[in-house]
Amino acid sequence: MKTFRDLLIWQKSMSLVTEIYQLTNSFPKEEIYGLSSQIRRSAISIPSNIAEGYGRDGNSDYLRFLNISISSLFEIQTQLEISYNLKYINQIQFNKTNGESREIERMLSAFIRKIKDRK
């Protein structure tokens, strides 16, 4: 039986969470309740909402949770820009992590379209 763990977008978003946690470990200590905490919460929200939506009845509920996931992804992209501008991460870290977030964004967008077409 298939579960949300079988979804590639869930797997990739789980990898993004790990990467975000590793990146934020090097942020200044004064950011522990600021940017570090916010970007981590945004990252956790993506796979969590994919999983929660998967367990709901009906496509409209699932779509609502997938849309929350993509909104959290946009938050991460903004927070990565802020982190880069503040020099908390370097260009290579920014490009890698932002690139992964953009890939997940494309996958989520396509998945949302697919679910909408099933309605």
Protein backbone atom coordinates (compact mmCIF):
# COMPACT_ATOMS: atom_id res chain seq x y z
CA MET A 1 0.00 0.00 0.00
CA LYS A 2 1.33 3.42 -0.98
CA THR A 3 1.86 6.10 1.66
CA PHE A 4 2.96 9.74 1.61
CA ARG A 5 6.52 8.44 2.18
CA ASP A 6 6.44 7.10 -1.38
CA LEU A 7 5.94 10.59 -2.81
CA LEU A 8 9.16 11.99 -4.27
CA ILE A 9 8.16 15.54 -3.28
CA TRP A 10 7.84 14.42 0.34
CA GLN A 11 11.25 12.71 0.20
CA LYS A 12 12.92 15.75 -1.37
CA SER A 13 11.28 18.12 1.09
CA MET A 14 12.54 15.94 3.97
CA SER A 15 16.05 16.28 2.55
CA LEU A 16 15.56 20.04 2.38
CA VAL A 17 14.63 20.10 6.09
CA THR A 18 17.90 18.34 6.93
CA GLU A 19 19.86 20.76 4.77
CA ILE A 20 18.16 23.80 6.34
CA TYR A 21 18.97 22.51 9.83
CA GLN A 22 22.62 22.01 8.86
CA LEU A 23 22.83 25.49 7.34
CA THR A 24 21.24 27.22 10.31
CA ASN A 25 23.58 25.50 12.77
CA SER A 26 26.21 28.05 11.74
CA PHE A 27 23.94 31.11 12.06
CA PRO A 28 24.82 33.59 14.82
CA LYS A 29 23.47 32.60 18.24
CA GLU A 30 21.34 35.77 18.39
CA GLU A 31 19.30 34.35 15.48
CA ILE A 32 18.24 31.25 17.44
CA TYR A 33 14.77 32.73 18.07
CA GLY A 34 14.75 34.78 14.88
CA LEU A 35 15.74 33.77 11.37
CA SER A 36 17.06 30.31 12.37
CA SER A 37 13.82 29.37 14.04
CA GLN A 38 11.64 30.82 11.27
CA ILE A 39 13.41 29.11 8.37
CA ARG A 40 13.39 25.81 10.25
CA ARG A 41 9.65 26.06 10.93
CA SER A 42 9.03 26.87 7.27
CA ALA A 43 11.09 23.87 6.17
CA ILE A 44 9.33 21.49 8.57
CA SER A 45 5.96 22.73 7.33
CA ILE A 46 6.53 21.47 3.78
CA PRO A 47 6.71 17.69 4.29
CA SER A 48 4.38 17.91 7.30
CA ASN A 49 1.59 19.45 5.23
CA ILE A 50 2.19 17.06 2.34
CA ALA A 51 1.76 14.18 4.80
CA GLU A 52 -1.24 15.69 6.56
CA GLY A 53 -3.01 16.44 3.29
CA TYR A 54 -2.35 12.91 2.08
CA GLY A 55 -4.29 11.56 5.03
CA ARG A 56 -7.35 13.77 4.45
CA ASP A 57 -10.55 12.82 2.71
CA GLY A 58 -11.06 14.36 -0.70
CA ASN A 59 -9.01 16.37 -3.12
CA SER A 60 -10.05 19.80 -1.83
CA ASP A 61 -8.55 19.14 1.61
CA TYR A 62 -5.42 17.68 0.01
CA LEU A 63 -5.07 20.74 -2.21
CA ARG A 64 -5.39 23.05 0.77
CA PHE A 65 -2.47 21.34 2.52
CA LEU A 66 -0.38 21.24 -0.67
CA ASN A 67 -0.95 24.98 -1.06
CA ILE A 68 0.24 25.53 2.51
CA SER A 69 3.36 23.52 1.62
CA ILE A 70 4.13 25.66 -1.41
CA SER A 71 3.56 28.83 0.61
CA SER A 72 6.11 27.59 3.16
CA LEU A 73 8.49 26.92 0.30
CA PHE A 74 8.17 30.53 -0.85
CA GLU A 75 8.93 31.60 2.72
CA ILE A 76 12.12 29.52 2.66
CA GLN A 77 13.21 31.08 -0.62
CA THR A 78 12.77 34.53 0.92
CA GLN A 79 14.54 33.52 4.12
CA LEU A 80 17.45 32.07 2.13
CA GLU A 81 17.81 35.43 0.34
CA ILE A 82 17.84 37.19 3.71
CA SER A 83 20.42 34.71 5.04
CA TYR A 84 22.61 35.31 2.00
CA ASN A 85 22.24 39.10 2.20
CA LEU A 86 23.28 38.99 5.87
CA LYS A 87 26.23 36.76 4.89
CA TYR A 88 25.03 33.88 7.10
CA ILE A 89 25.41 31.61 4.06
CA ASN A 90 27.74 31.89 1.09
CA GLN A 91 26.92 31.92 -2.63
CA ILE A 92 27.51 28.19 -3.04
CA GLN A 93 25.23 27.31 -0.11
CA PHE A 94 22.59 29.72 -1.36
CA ASN A 95 22.67 28.39 -4.93
CA LYS A 96 22.50 24.74 -3.81
CA THR A 97 19.70 25.15 -1.29
CA ASN A 98 17.70 27.61 -3.35
CA GLY A 99 18.06 25.32 -6.38
CA GLU A 100 16.68 22.41 -4.39
CA SER A 101 13.78 24.54 -3.18
CA ARG A 102 13.02 25.59 -6.76
CA GLU A 103 12.99 21.94 -7.86
CA ILE A 104 10.51 21.10 -5.08
CA GLU A 105 8.46 24.16 -6.11
CA ARG A 106 8.18 22.87 -9.68
CA MET A 107 7.26 19.39 -8.47
CA LEU A 108 4.64 20.70 -6.03
CA SER A 109 3.14 22.99 -8.66
CA ALA A 110 2.82 20.09 -11.11
CA PHE A 111 1.35 17.85 -8.41
CA ILE A 112 -1.20 20.51 -7.45
CA ARG A 113 -2.23 20.85 -11.12
CA LYS A 114 -2.58 17.06 -11.37
CA ILE A 115 -4.79 16.90 -8.27
CA LYS A 116 -6.93 19.80 -9.57
CA ASP A 117 -7.41 18.00 -12.89
CA ARG A 118 -8.75 14.93 -11.03
CA LYS A 119 -11.62 16.97 -9.51
